[in-house]
Protein backbone atom coordinates (compact mmCIF):
# COMPACT_ATOMS: atom_id res chain seq x y z
CA MET A 1 15.90 -33.24 -43.88
CA ALA A 2 17.62 -29.88 -43.22
CA LYS A 3 15.09 -28.96 -40.55
CA THR A 4 15.55 -32.19 -38.65
CA ALA A 5 19.33 -31.72 -38.70
CA ILE A 6 18.92 -28.17 -37.37
CA ASN A 7 16.44 -29.34 -34.71
CA GLN A 8 18.82 -32.14 -33.64
CA LEU A 9 21.68 -29.66 -33.42
CA GLN A 10 19.56 -27.27 -31.35
CA ASP A 11 18.52 -30.12 -29.04
CA GLN A 12 22.16 -31.16 -28.59
CA ILE A 13 23.19 -27.57 -27.83
CA GLU A 14 20.37 -27.24 -25.32
CA ALA A 15 21.35 -30.52 -23.64
CA ILE A 16 24.98 -29.39 -23.39
CA ARG A 17 23.89 -26.02 -21.98
CA ARG A 18 21.73 -27.70 -19.33
CA GLU A 19 24.48 -30.11 -18.38
CA ALA A 20 27.04 -27.29 -18.11
CA TYR A 21 24.62 -25.26 -15.98
CA ALA A 22 24.03 -28.23 -13.66
CA VAL A 23 27.77 -28.88 -13.29
CA GLY A 24 28.50 -25.21 -12.62
CA TYR A 25 25.66 -24.93 -10.12
CA ALA A 26 26.81 -28.06 -8.29
CA ALA A 27 30.37 -26.73 -8.14
CA ALA A 28 29.18 -23.38 -6.81
CA MET A 29 27.03 -25.02 -4.14
CA GLN A 30 29.95 -27.24 -3.10
CA ALA A 31 32.16 -24.16 -2.80
CA VAL A 32 29.56 -22.51 -0.57
CA ARG A 33 29.30 -25.63 1.61
CA ASP A 34 33.09 -25.85 1.90
CA PHE A 35 33.34 -22.19 2.83
CA ALA A 36 30.58 -22.46 5.43
CA ALA A 37 32.12 -25.57 6.99
CA ARG A 38 35.57 -23.97 7.23
CA PRO A 39 36.60 -23.22 10.81
CA GLY A 40 36.79 -19.51 11.45
CA ALA A 41 34.34 -18.68 8.68
CA PRO A 42 32.74 -15.29 9.33
CA ALA A 43 29.17 -15.37 10.60
CA THR A 44 28.22 -12.51 8.33
CA PRO A 45 28.92 -12.29 4.63
CA ALA A 46 31.92 -10.25 3.55
CA ARG A 47 31.21 -6.70 2.44
CA ARG A 48 31.85 -5.59 -1.07
CA GLY A 49 32.81 -2.15 -2.23
CA ARG A 50 34.97 0.24 -0.31
CA PRO A 51 37.29 -1.14 2.32
CA ALA A 52 36.32 -0.46 5.88
CA LYS A 53 37.87 2.49 7.66
CA PRO A 54 40.80 1.54 9.82
CA VAL A 55 39.80 1.10 13.43
CA SER A 56 41.60 3.42 15.77
CA SER A 57 42.63 2.17 19.16
CA PRO A 58 39.96 2.92 21.73
CA THR A 59 40.78 5.67 24.15
CA PRO A 60 39.97 4.98 27.77
CA ARG A 61 37.11 7.06 29.10
CA ARG A 62 36.72 8.07 32.65
CA GLY A 63 33.32 8.84 34.05
CA ARG A 64 30.36 9.97 32.07
CA ARG A 65 30.46 12.65 29.47
CA PRO A 66 28.30 15.67 30.13
CA ALA A 67 25.03 15.62 28.27
CA ALA A 68 25.31 17.48 25.01
CA ALA A 69 22.86 20.22 24.22
CA PRO A 70 20.13 18.99 21.90
CA SER A 71 21.02 19.75 18.32
CA PRO A 72 18.50 21.83 16.43
CA ARG A 73 16.38 19.48 14.38
CA ARG A 74 15.02 20.27 11.01
CA THR A 75 11.30 20.53 11.16
CA ALA A 76 9.84 17.38 9.76
CA ARG A 77 7.48 17.99 6.89
CA ARG A 78 4.11 16.69 7.84
CA ARG A 79 2.02 14.85 5.34
CA PRO A 80 -1.21 16.65 4.41
CA LEU A 81 -4.38 15.28 5.90
CA ARG A 82 -6.62 13.00 3.93
CA GLY A 83 -8.96 14.96 1.68
CA ALA A 84 -6.91 18.15 1.87
CA ASN A 85 -6.61 18.46 -1.92
CA ALA A 86 -10.36 18.29 -2.43
CA GLN A 87 -10.91 20.84 0.33
CA MET A 88 -8.41 23.28 -1.19
CA ILE A 89 -9.92 22.90 -4.65
CA ALA A 90 -13.41 23.52 -3.27
CA GLU A 91 -12.15 26.71 -1.60
CA VAL A 92 -10.55 27.85 -4.86
CA LEU A 93 -13.75 27.21 -6.82
CA LYS A 94 -15.77 29.13 -4.19
CA ALA A 95 -13.44 32.09 -4.57
CA MET A 96 -13.65 32.14 -8.39
CA PRO A 97 -15.68 35.14 -9.60
CA SER A 98 -17.70 33.05 -12.05
CA GLY A 99 -17.86 30.07 -9.73
CA ALA A 100 -16.47 27.87 -12.49
CA ALA A 101 -12.96 27.10 -13.66
CA ARG A 102 -10.84 24.74 -15.71
CA PRO A 103 -8.19 22.56 -14.02
CA ALA A 104 -5.42 24.83 -15.35
CA GLU A 105 -7.07 27.86 -13.74
CA ILE A 106 -7.53 25.93 -10.50
CA ARG A 107 -3.84 24.99 -10.56
CA LYS A 108 -2.77 28.62 -11.11
CA ALA A 109 -5.01 29.80 -8.27
CA LEU A 110 -3.63 27.12 -5.93
CA GLN A 111 -0.09 28.22 -6.70
CA ALA A 112 -0.85 31.92 -6.35
CA ASP A 113 -3.16 31.85 -3.30
CA LYS A 114 -2.00 28.88 -1.27
CA GLY A 115 1.53 28.34 -2.54
CA VAL A 116 0.73 24.73 -3.39
CA ALA A 117 1.96 23.11 -6.59
CA MET A 118 -0.46 20.32 -7.43
CA ALA A 119 -0.35 17.92 -10.35
CA PHE A 120 -3.19 17.94 -12.85
CA THR A 121 -3.93 14.30 -12.06
CA SER A 122 -4.38 15.18 -8.40
CA ILE A 123 -6.68 18.05 -9.35
CA ARG A 124 -8.77 15.77 -11.58
CA HIS A 125 -8.95 13.13 -8.85
CA ALA A 126 -10.07 15.68 -6.25
CA LEU A 127 -12.67 17.07 -8.67
CA GLY A 128 -13.97 13.52 -9.12
CA GLN A 129 -14.23 13.12 -5.36
CA LEU A 130 -16.08 16.42 -5.06
CA ALA A 131 -18.39 15.42 -7.90
CA THR A 132 -19.36 12.18 -6.13
CA ARG A 133 -20.21 14.27 -3.07
CA LYS A 134 -22.20 16.57 -5.36
CA GLU A 135 -20.17 19.62 -4.35
CA VAL A 136 -19.04 20.35 -7.92
CA GLU A 137 -20.32 19.51 -11.37
CA ALA A 138 -18.67 19.38 -14.75
CA SER A 139 -19.97 21.47 -17.63
CA ALA A 140 -21.44 19.79 -20.69
CA ASP A 141 -18.03 19.62 -22.39
CA GLY A 142 -16.41 18.26 -19.20
CA LYS A 143 -13.63 20.83 -19.21
CA THR A 144 -15.03 23.40 -16.78
CA TRP A 145 -16.05 22.67 -13.21
CA ARG A 146 -18.58 24.67 -11.20
CA TYR A 147 -18.96 24.77 -7.43
CA LEU A 148 -22.46 23.79 -6.24
CA GLY A 149 -22.06 23.96 -2.48
CA SER A 150 -21.44 21.59 0.35
CA SER A 151 -23.86 18.68 0.53
CA ALA A 152 -23.21 18.22 4.26
């Protein structure tokens, strides 16, 4: 008995909520239609936030302005080429005295020799790429990688 009364109450609340939502939505849509149909309505929506800067009166210009000297541009950083990480890691492994290294040692060598800070996930991914090309192999424990040579 108590559960059915609670269920009926919940159903009534849900019905009232739906009805109120529908009425509010219809009112909002009507307000939008009224606003859009109003003569002189702006073609673009009004901006929110800071008020626009006051527009100064335009000054008349005579003739063309002399061409300004090109401003010095910052050099755009170029994105590294595809496969560059794997190539750098192969070079680091070649240069290792033992020919084998852990990812942490590879990362330190990249930072010291090439000035490149590389994430461990990128190092692991590049090692995986090199392993599929049979240029490197993992040790039995999978923590140390050894350079085998280029398969090309």
